[in-house]
Amino acid sequence: MVASLAILVLAGFVGFAVISKVPNTLHTPLMSGTNAIHGIVLLGGLIVLGLGAEGVLNKILLVIAIAFGTINIVGGFLVTDRMLAMFKGKQKDRARAGAGQKESE
């Protein structure tokens, strides 16, 4: 039990250290990748729940995990879409500025 808790705490520290070193330009692809991983986790939770998890506590924990996984996936896609929209806005502004320069020449 103590070893498992120690591994969990160390994994949290390593995860924080790794994610904090990621440059801002890589956050969108990284988030898309984690959305795919959470989709697999969500599917696994649904399969385990459907196969008949034994015990009421196990079923409650599975439903909670599925709910949090769903929230994480939806939120990740919303943030990714919002970040991509920000880049699209900059490209349109550059195109308009470029068109204005060509017309003035």
Protein backbone atom coordinates (compact mmCIF):
# COMPACT_ATOMS: atom_id res chain seq x y z
CA MET A 1 0.00 0.00 0.00
CA VAL A 2 2.76 2.45 0.93
CA ALA A 3 4.76 1.51 -2.17
CA SER A 4 1.75 2.17 -4.39
CA LEU A 5 1.21 5.56 -2.76
CA ALA A 6 4.89 6.43 -3.21
CA ILE A 7 4.70 5.51 -6.91
CA LEU A 8 1.59 7.68 -7.32
CA VAL A 9 3.27 10.70 -5.70
CA LEU A 10 6.47 10.27 -7.72
CA ALA A 11 4.46 9.90 -10.95
CA GLY A 12 2.68 13.16 -10.12
CA PHE A 13 5.97 15.00 -9.65
CA VAL A 14 7.49 13.54 -12.83
CA GLY A 15 4.32 14.39 -14.81
CA PHE A 16 4.38 17.97 -13.56
CA ALA A 17 8.07 18.34 -14.38
CA VAL A 18 7.60 16.98 -17.90
CA ILE A 19 4.49 19.01 -18.73
CA SER A 20 5.93 22.27 -17.37
CA LYS A 21 8.86 21.99 -19.81
CA VAL A 22 6.63 21.71 -22.91
CA PRO A 23 6.75 24.88 -25.05
CA ASN A 24 3.48 26.70 -25.72
CA THR A 25 3.53 25.80 -29.42
CA LEU A 26 3.29 22.09 -28.59
CA HIS A 27 0.34 22.29 -26.19
CA THR A 28 -2.31 21.78 -28.91
CA PRO A 29 -0.77 18.60 -30.40
CA LEU A 30 -0.05 17.31 -26.90
CA MET A 31 -3.65 17.91 -25.85
CA SER A 32 -4.93 16.11 -28.95
CA GLY A 33 -2.77 13.12 -28.06
CA THR A 34 -4.01 13.04 -24.48
CA ASN A 35 -7.60 13.24 -25.76
CA ALA A 36 -6.95 10.07 -27.75
CA ILE A 37 -5.49 8.34 -24.68
CA HIS A 38 -8.43 9.39 -22.52
CA GLY A 39 -10.77 8.05 -25.20
CA ILE A 40 -9.13 4.64 -24.82
CA VAL A 41 -9.40 4.88 -21.02
CA LEU A 42 -13.08 5.83 -21.32
CA LEU A 43 -13.75 2.89 -23.64
CA GLY A 44 -11.98 0.56 -21.20
CA GLY A 45 -14.12 1.83 -18.33
CA LEU A 46 -17.29 1.29 -20.32
CA ILE A 47 -16.22 -2.25 -21.24
CA VAL A 48 -15.40 -3.14 -17.63
CA LEU A 49 -18.69 -1.67 -16.46
CA GLY A 50 -20.58 -3.58 -19.17
CA LEU A 51 -18.89 -6.89 -18.39
CA GLY A 52 -20.31 -6.76 -14.90
CA ALA A 53 -17.98 -5.27 -12.36
CA GLU A 54 -18.61 -6.91 -9.02
CA GLY A 55 -19.56 -4.86 -6.00
CA VAL A 56 -21.43 -1.62 -5.65
CA LEU A 57 -18.30 0.37 -4.77
CA ASN A 58 -16.54 -0.79 -7.93
CA LYS A 59 -19.52 0.23 -10.07
CA ILE A 60 -19.73 3.64 -8.41
CA LEU A 61 -16.01 4.25 -8.93
CA LEU A 62 -16.31 3.18 -12.57
CA VAL A 63 -19.20 5.57 -13.19
CA ILE A 64 -17.26 8.41 -11.54
CA ALA A 65 -14.16 7.60 -13.61
CA ILE A 66 -16.22 7.50 -16.81
CA ALA A 67 -17.83 10.85 -15.97
CA PHE A 68 -14.47 12.52 -15.24
CA GLY A 69 -12.95 10.99 -18.38
CA THR A 70 -15.81 12.32 -20.48
CA ILE A 71 -15.46 15.80 -18.97
CA ASN A 72 -11.72 15.71 -19.65
CA ILE A 73 -12.16 14.67 -23.28
CA VAL A 74 -14.85 17.26 -24.03
CA GLY A 75 -12.90 20.01 -22.27
CA GLY A 76 -9.72 19.06 -24.12
CA PHE A 77 -11.43 19.25 -27.48
CA LEU A 78 -13.01 22.61 -26.62
CA VAL A 79 -9.66 24.07 -25.58
CA THR A 80 -7.95 22.64 -28.68
CA ASP A 81 -10.65 24.11 -30.93
CA ARG A 82 -10.33 27.48 -29.23
CA MET A 83 -6.55 27.50 -29.60
CA LEU A 84 -6.78 26.56 -33.28
CA ALA A 85 -9.33 29.34 -33.83
CA MET A 86 -6.83 31.82 -32.41
CA PHE A 87 -4.26 30.75 -35.01
CA LYS A 88 -6.83 30.95 -37.81
CA GLY A 89 -7.62 34.54 -36.80
CA LYS A 90 -3.95 35.51 -37.10
CA GLN A 91 -3.68 33.93 -40.55
CA LYS A 92 -6.74 35.85 -41.80
CA ASP A 93 -5.30 39.12 -40.48
CA ARG A 94 -1.99 38.45 -42.25
CA ALA A 95 -3.81 37.63 -45.50
CA ARG A 96 -5.81 40.87 -45.27
CA ALA A 97 -2.66 42.88 -44.55
CA GLY A 98 -0.90 41.24 -47.51
CA ALA A 99 -3.84 41.98 -49.82
CA GLY A 100 -3.85 45.62 -48.70
CA GLN A 101 -0.17 46.01 -49.53
CA LYS A 102 -0.64 44.54 -53.01
CA GLU A 103 -3.54 46.88 -53.76
CA SER A 104 -1.57 49.97 -52.69
CA GLU A 105 1.34 49.10 -54.99
